[in-house]
Amino acid sequence: MSKVLNGNLDAMKVLLAVMVVALHCKLLGGNYTWAGYLLCNGLFRVAVPTFFIINGYYLYQTLSGGHSFAQWFKRVLLIYLFWMLVYSPQYVDPATIASIGGVLGVLKSLLIGYFHLWYLMGMLGGGVMLLVLRHWRSSVLIGLALVAFLIGLGLQYARVYFELPNGFLQHFNQNDYTARNFLFMGFPFMAIGFLCARHQIAQRVGRRGIWCWLLLGLGLTLAEAGLNFALRADVEQNFDFLASLLVITPALFLLPMVYPRASESNFAAKLSSAVYYVHPWFILGALSLGMSYGNSMAGLVLALAFGVAPLLILASRRVRFIL
């Protein structure tokens, strides 16, 4: 018997993947215009944390259903290694690979994840943490997740608005991966999904309540992004962390859960993964041809990514670690 999926949740995953592409293509001017900033450093930042919530939700089902965590971990790891190989020309320098520095650079990339692939490392690390903590009380899990998130949020805002007194710490905190990693983002948001599944939150909340929650989160997200833009935050710095993400992302995740649509097809879920994994190659190709970031690039990259996605989905039926 085919596994019954929530078609609306999978459709939302496609929308989240589109947000990631639009963000990376700097839609509407990206960080340099008011509208672009509200989207690229505001609304579109819900995408990856919401993906993490979905991952945590399904991880709970995997563990509570008696399925193998090792199999889950192996599958995600193989996908990660495959796509790291696909993007290896971007972080492996043939001229230095034989040197100690070159090898260390490659190892660093493998530990952090190239560009968008950090998400998979965040999922793996967050999954291991939840495996270890899975029997802990929910109140403790909430506390740990909140502390981890607040540390990441603090590092994010310090990177943009403050100069740390220690030179090494200041230099270290200028890297995206200092805050954006499995500990400060992957684990907290996966824990939200994990706890939503444990306590069956979707069955306990009403549709009206979810809409009010979502609208509140949307308002807070746009207000936070607008305030950062008004304060002339360093436009070269991206906001992976926003305080309002803790409000909007659980509501966004729960929205399709309170409007379930039974589906036996995983095409939409695979489509979202394919678009997410492959799109940077089209961005790199567009840049190499002299195209600038912006709306035209976003349209082109989305068209190419969606065009190639069915081929990747077809290939993944034979080689499962592609998607």
Protein backbone atom coordinates (compact mmCIF):
# COMPACT_ATOMS: atom_id res chain seq x y z
CA MET A 1 0.00 0.00 0.00
CA SER A 2 1.30 3.45 -0.93
CA LYS A 3 2.16 5.84 1.87
CA VAL A 4 -0.45 8.58 2.28
CA LEU A 5 1.15 12.04 2.27
CA ASN A 6 -0.14 15.52 2.93
CA GLY A 7 -0.29 17.06 -0.52
CA ASN A 8 -0.68 20.59 0.85
CA LEU A 9 2.45 20.25 2.98
CA ASP A 10 4.42 19.07 -0.05
CA ALA A 11 3.02 21.95 -2.11
CA MET A 12 4.21 24.37 0.56
CA LYS A 13 7.70 22.83 0.32
CA VAL A 14 7.75 23.79 -3.36
CA LEU A 15 6.84 27.37 -2.40
CA LEU A 16 9.64 27.41 0.18
CA ALA A 17 12.13 26.23 -2.45
CA VAL A 18 11.00 29.07 -4.74
CA MET A 19 11.61 31.51 -1.88
CA VAL A 20 15.17 30.22 -1.51
CA VAL A 21 15.85 30.68 -5.23
CA ALA A 22 14.36 34.19 -5.24
CA LEU A 23 16.44 35.09 -2.19
CA HIS A 24 19.67 33.84 -3.74
CA CYS A 25 18.90 35.72 -6.96
CA LYS A 26 18.28 38.94 -4.96
CA LEU A 27 14.74 39.52 -6.17
CA LEU A 28 13.62 43.18 -6.34
CA GLY A 29 17.16 44.37 -5.67
CA GLY A 30 17.83 42.11 -2.72
CA ASN A 31 19.28 43.90 0.28
CA TYR A 32 19.61 47.23 -1.55
CA THR A 33 15.94 48.22 -1.90
CA TRP A 34 13.19 48.50 0.68
CA ALA A 35 10.95 45.91 -0.99
CA GLY A 36 13.85 43.57 -1.72
CA TYR A 37 15.08 43.80 1.85
CA LEU A 38 11.66 42.99 3.30
CA LEU A 39 11.62 39.86 1.16
CA CYS A 40 15.25 38.71 1.09
CA ASN A 41 16.08 39.57 4.69
CA GLY A 42 12.54 39.12 5.92
CA LEU A 43 9.79 36.94 4.49
CA PHE A 44 11.98 34.57 2.46
CA ARG A 45 14.02 33.77 5.57
CA VAL A 46 11.18 31.55 6.77
CA ALA A 47 12.07 28.91 4.17
CA VAL A 48 14.98 26.98 5.69
CA PRO A 49 13.73 27.07 9.32
CA THR A 50 10.35 25.76 8.11
CA PHE A 51 12.13 22.98 6.22
CA PHE A 52 13.85 22.11 9.51
CA ILE A 53 10.50 22.00 11.32
CA ILE A 54 9.18 19.58 8.68
CA ASN A 55 12.34 17.46 9.07
CA GLY A 56 11.86 17.32 12.84
CA TYR A 57 8.21 16.37 12.46
CA TYR A 58 9.02 13.44 10.19
CA LEU A 59 12.03 12.42 12.31
CA TYR A 60 9.69 11.97 15.29
CA GLN A 61 7.50 9.71 13.17
CA THR A 62 10.57 7.76 12.10
CA LEU A 63 11.74 7.21 15.67
CA SER A 64 8.31 6.61 17.22
CA GLY A 65 7.43 4.19 14.44
CA GLY A 66 10.40 2.01 15.28
CA HIS A 67 12.22 2.77 12.06
CA SER A 68 16.00 2.91 11.90
CA PHE A 69 17.63 6.24 12.69
CA ALA A 70 20.78 4.87 11.05
CA GLN A 71 18.89 4.45 7.78
CA TRP A 72 17.56 8.02 8.03
CA PHE A 73 21.02 9.36 8.77
CA LYS A 74 22.63 7.34 5.98
CA ARG A 75 20.11 8.55 3.43
CA VAL A 76 20.62 12.24 4.28
CA LEU A 77 24.40 11.78 4.41
CA LEU A 78 24.48 10.16 0.96
CA ILE A 79 22.39 12.99 -0.49
CA TYR A 80 24.78 15.48 1.10
CA LEU A 81 27.90 13.74 -0.24
CA PHE A 82 26.39 13.42 -3.71
CA TRP A 83 25.58 17.12 -4.00
CA MET A 84 28.89 18.13 -2.42
CA LEU A 85 30.51 16.13 -5.21
CA VAL A 86 28.33 17.89 -7.80
CA TYR A 87 29.46 21.28 -6.48
CA SER A 88 33.08 20.28 -5.79
CA PRO A 89 34.44 22.37 -8.70
CA GLN A 90 33.32 25.42 -6.71
CA TYR A 91 35.35 24.71 -3.58
CA VAL A 92 38.15 22.39 -4.69
CA ASP A 93 41.12 24.22 -6.23
CA PRO A 94 43.20 21.78 -8.31
CA ALA A 95 46.23 24.06 -7.89
CA THR A 96 46.24 23.75 -4.09
CA ILE A 97 44.55 20.42 -3.44
CA ALA A 98 47.92 18.69 -2.96
CA SER A 99 48.91 21.10 -0.19
CA ILE A 100 47.97 20.90 3.47
CA GLY A 101 46.08 24.17 3.18
CA GLY A 102 44.13 22.88 0.20
CA VAL A 103 43.18 19.65 1.95
CA LEU A 104 42.14 21.53 5.08
CA GLY A 105 40.04 23.88 2.96
CA VAL A 106 38.19 20.95 1.39
CA LEU A 107 37.66 19.33 4.79
CA LYS A 108 36.30 22.61 6.11
CA SER A 109 33.87 22.80 3.20
CA LEU A 110 32.76 19.21 3.83
CA LEU A 111 32.14 19.94 7.51
CA ILE A 112 30.26 23.19 6.88
CA GLY A 113 28.58 22.48 3.56
CA TYR A 114 28.96 24.38 0.30
CA PHE A 115 26.58 27.35 0.05
CA HIS A 116 23.02 25.99 0.36
CA LEU A 117 24.14 22.48 1.32
CA TRP A 118 24.79 23.62 4.89
CA TYR A 119 21.10 22.83 5.34
CA LEU A 120 21.78 19.10 5.03
CA MET A 121 24.55 19.28 7.62
CA GLY A 122 22.15 21.20 9.84
CA MET A 123 19.61 18.41 9.42
CA LEU A 124 22.15 15.70 10.23
CA GLY A 125 23.47 17.44 13.33
CA GLY A 126 20.02 18.43 14.53
CA GLY A 127 18.82 14.87 13.99
CA VAL A 128 21.64 13.42 16.09
CA MET A 129 20.86 15.87 18.89
CA LEU A 130 17.18 14.90 18.86
CA LEU A 131 18.10 11.22 18.85
CA VAL A 132 20.15 11.75 22.01
CA LEU A 133 17.50 13.93 23.66
CA ARG A 134 14.39 12.13 22.38
CA HIS A 135 13.34 10.78 25.79
CA TRP A 136 13.80 14.09 27.62
CA ARG A 137 10.78 16.01 28.86
CA SER A 138 9.24 18.42 26.37
CA SER A 139 9.78 21.36 28.73
CA VAL A 140 13.51 20.65 28.79
CA LEU A 141 13.66 20.28 25.02
CA ILE A 142 11.86 23.60 24.63
CA GLY A 143 14.32 25.27 26.99
CA LEU A 144 17.38 23.86 25.22
CA ALA A 145 16.00 24.78 21.80
CA LEU A 146 15.20 28.32 22.95
CA VAL A 147 18.66 28.84 24.46
CA ALA A 148 20.34 27.55 21.29
CA PHE A 149 18.21 29.79 19.09
CA LEU A 150 18.82 32.87 21.24
CA ILE A 151 22.58 32.31 21.08
CA GLY A 152 22.39 32.14 17.29
CA LEU A 153 20.16 35.21 17.20
CA GLY A 154 22.60 37.09 19.41
CA LEU A 155 25.54 36.17 17.20
CA GLN A 156 23.56 37.27 14.13
CA TYR A 157 22.70 40.69 15.52
CA ALA A 158 26.19 41.15 16.94
CA ARG A 159 27.62 40.48 13.48
CA VAL A 160 25.51 43.24 11.98
CA TYR A 161 25.37 45.88 14.69
CA PHE A 162 28.32 45.43 17.04
CA GLU A 163 32.05 44.92 16.97
CA LEU A 164 33.18 42.32 19.45
CA PRO A 165 36.05 43.42 21.72
CA ASN A 166 38.18 40.40 20.85
CA GLY A 167 39.70 40.55 17.36
CA PHE A 168 39.59 36.81 16.80
CA LEU A 169 35.95 36.55 17.91
CA GLN A 170 35.03 39.50 15.70
CA HIS A 171 36.67 37.84 12.70
CA PHE A 172 35.09 34.47 13.52
CA ASN A 173 31.62 35.95 13.89
CA GLN A 174 31.75 37.47 10.40
CA ASN A 175 31.23 34.00 8.94
CA ASP A 176 27.71 32.79 8.18
CA TYR A 177 28.40 29.39 9.69
CA THR A 178 29.19 30.82 13.13
CA ALA A 179 25.48 31.14 13.88
CA ARG A 180 23.86 29.34 10.95
CA ASN A 181 24.58 25.72 11.79
CA PHE A 182 23.04 22.55 13.22
CA LEU A 183 23.39 23.69 16.83
CA PHE A 184 21.83 27.14 16.68
CA MET A 185 19.36 26.69 13.81
CA GLY A 186 19.00 23.05 12.82
CA PHE A 187 18.33 21.69 16.30
CA PRO A 188 15.96 24.43 17.56
CA PHE A 189 13.63 24.31 14.57
CA MET A 190 13.78 20.53 14.21
CA ALA A 191 12.85 20.38 17.89
CA ILE A 192 9.73 22.45 17.12
CA GLY A 193 8.63 19.93 14.51
CA PHE A 194 9.57 17.03 16.77
CA LEU A 195 7.42 18.42 19.59
CA CYS A 196 4.55 19.26 17.24
CA ALA A 197 4.45 15.59 16.29
CA ARG A 198 4.89 14.34 19.88
CA HIS A 199 1.98 16.42 21.18
CA GLN A 200 -0.13 16.31 17.99
CA ILE A 201 -0.34 20.08 17.90
CA ALA A 202 -2.05 20.10 14.51
CA GLN A 203 -4.99 18.22 16.01
CA ARG A 204 -5.22 20.63 18.95
CA VAL A 205 -5.35 23.97 17.15
CA GLY A 206 -8.13 25.40 15.05
CA ARG A 207 -7.86 26.89 11.59
CA ARG A 208 -8.87 30.34 12.78
CA GLY A 209 -6.20 30.26 15.46
CA ILE A 210 -3.54 29.25 12.94
CA TRP A 211 -4.48 32.10 10.60
CA CYS A 212 -4.28 34.62 13.45
CA TRP A 213 -0.94 33.15 14.51
CA LEU A 214 0.36 33.27 10.95
CA LEU A 215 -0.75 36.87 10.37
CA LEU A 216 0.87 37.92 13.64
CA GLY A 217 4.10 36.21 12.59
CA LEU A 218 3.97 37.81 9.16
CA GLY A 219 3.52 41.25 10.68
CA LEU A 220 6.39 40.72 13.12
CA THR A 221 8.70 39.41 10.39
CA LEU A 222 8.07 42.33 8.06
CA ALA A 223 8.35 44.79 10.96
CA GLU A 224 11.67 43.32 12.09
CA ALA A 225 13.08 43.36 8.58
CA GLY A 226 11.77 46.88 8.02
CA LEU A 227 13.38 48.08 11.23
CA ASN A 228 16.71 46.57 10.24
CA PHE A 229 16.49 48.30 6.87
CA ALA A 230 15.52 51.61 8.48
CA LEU A 231 18.47 51.38 10.84
CA ARG A 232 20.67 50.99 7.78
CA ALA A 233 22.00 47.65 8.91
CA ASP A 234 25.05 46.51 6.98
CA VAL A 235 23.44 45.55 3.67
CA GLU A 236 26.29 43.19 2.88
CA GLN A 237 25.20 41.04 5.82
CA ASN A 238 22.28 38.67 5.49
CA PHE A 239 19.84 37.92 8.29
CA ASP A 240 19.56 34.16 8.57
CA PHE A 241 18.21 34.71 12.09
CA LEU A 242 15.23 36.88 12.94
CA ALA A 243 13.53 36.84 16.34
CA SER A 244 10.16 36.67 14.57
CA LEU A 245 11.05 33.33 12.96
CA LEU A 246 10.06 31.65 16.22
CA VAL A 247 6.52 32.98 15.69
CA ILE A 248 5.90 32.67 11.97
CA THR A 249 7.56 29.36 11.09
CA PRO A 250 5.53 27.06 13.39
CA ALA A 251 2.33 28.71 12.14
CA LEU A 252 3.46 28.33 8.53
CA PHE A 253 4.21 24.65 9.11
CA LEU A 254 0.87 24.03 10.83
CA LEU A 255 -1.19 25.75 8.13
CA PRO A 256 -1.14 22.82 5.65
CA MET A 257 -1.43 20.43 8.61
CA VAL A 258 -4.87 21.84 9.50
CA TYR A 259 -5.82 21.75 5.81
CA PRO A 260 -4.68 18.20 5.00
CA ARG A 261 -4.99 16.85 1.48
CA ALA A 262 -4.34 13.16 1.08
CA SER A 263 -1.90 12.26 -1.67
CA GLU A 264 -0.03 9.13 -2.63
CA SER A 265 2.41 10.99 -4.89
CA ASN A 266 5.73 12.34 -3.62
CA PHE A 267 6.35 14.31 -6.81
CA ALA A 268 5.89 17.73 -5.16
CA ALA A 269 8.23 16.83 -2.30
CA LYS A 270 10.86 15.61 -4.76
CA LEU A 271 10.31 18.70 -6.90
CA SER A 272 11.06 21.02 -4.00
CA SER A 273 14.27 19.11 -3.23
CA ALA A 274 15.40 19.11 -6.84
CA VAL A 275 14.85 22.86 -7.24
CA TYR A 276 16.63 23.56 -3.97
CA TYR A 277 19.69 21.42 -4.71
CA VAL A 278 20.25 22.29 -8.36
CA HIS A 279 19.50 26.01 -8.59
CA PRO A 280 22.97 27.39 -7.62
CA TRP A 281 24.48 25.89 -10.75
CA PHE A 282 22.12 28.01 -12.86
CA ILE A 283 22.96 31.10 -10.81
CA LEU A 284 26.66 30.46 -11.41
CA GLY A 285 26.00 29.93 -15.11
CA ALA A 286 24.00 33.15 -15.38
CA LEU A 287 26.76 35.10 -13.61
CA SER A 288 29.42 33.61 -15.91
CA LEU A 289 27.41 34.86 -18.90
CA GLY A 290 27.38 38.37 -17.48
CA MET A 291 23.84 38.43 -16.11
CA SER A 292 23.31 40.50 -13.00
CA TYR A 293 21.39 39.50 -9.90
CA GLY A 294 17.76 40.53 -9.96
CA ASN A 295 14.32 39.70 -11.26
CA SER A 296 15.46 38.44 -14.67
CA MET A 297 17.95 36.07 -13.10
CA ALA A 298 15.32 34.82 -10.66
CA GLY A 299 12.91 34.07 -13.51
CA LEU A 300 15.56 32.34 -15.60
CA VAL A 301 16.94 30.25 -12.75
CA LEU A 302 13.48 29.18 -11.63
CA ALA A 303 12.54 28.19 -15.19
CA LEU A 304 15.74 26.15 -15.63
CA ALA A 305 15.51 24.56 -12.18
CA PHE A 306 11.91 23.51 -12.70
CA GLY A 307 12.80 22.31 -16.18
CA VAL A 308 15.62 20.07 -14.96
CA ALA A 309 13.81 18.89 -11.81
CA PRO A 310 11.71 16.17 -13.52
CA LEU A 311 14.89 14.63 -14.93
CA LEU A 312 16.44 14.57 -11.46
CA ILE A 313 13.26 13.03 -10.05
CA LEU A 314 13.35 10.36 -12.75
CA ALA A 315 17.02 9.65 -12.06
CA SER A 316 16.36 9.44 -8.31
CA ARG A 317 14.08 6.47 -8.88
CA ARG A 318 17.19 4.48 -9.79
CA VAL A 319 19.77 6.32 -7.66
CA ARG A 320 17.89 7.23 -4.49
CA PHE A 321 20.57 9.46 -2.97
CA ILE A 322 20.12 12.08 -5.70
CA LEU A 323 17.02 13.43 -3.92
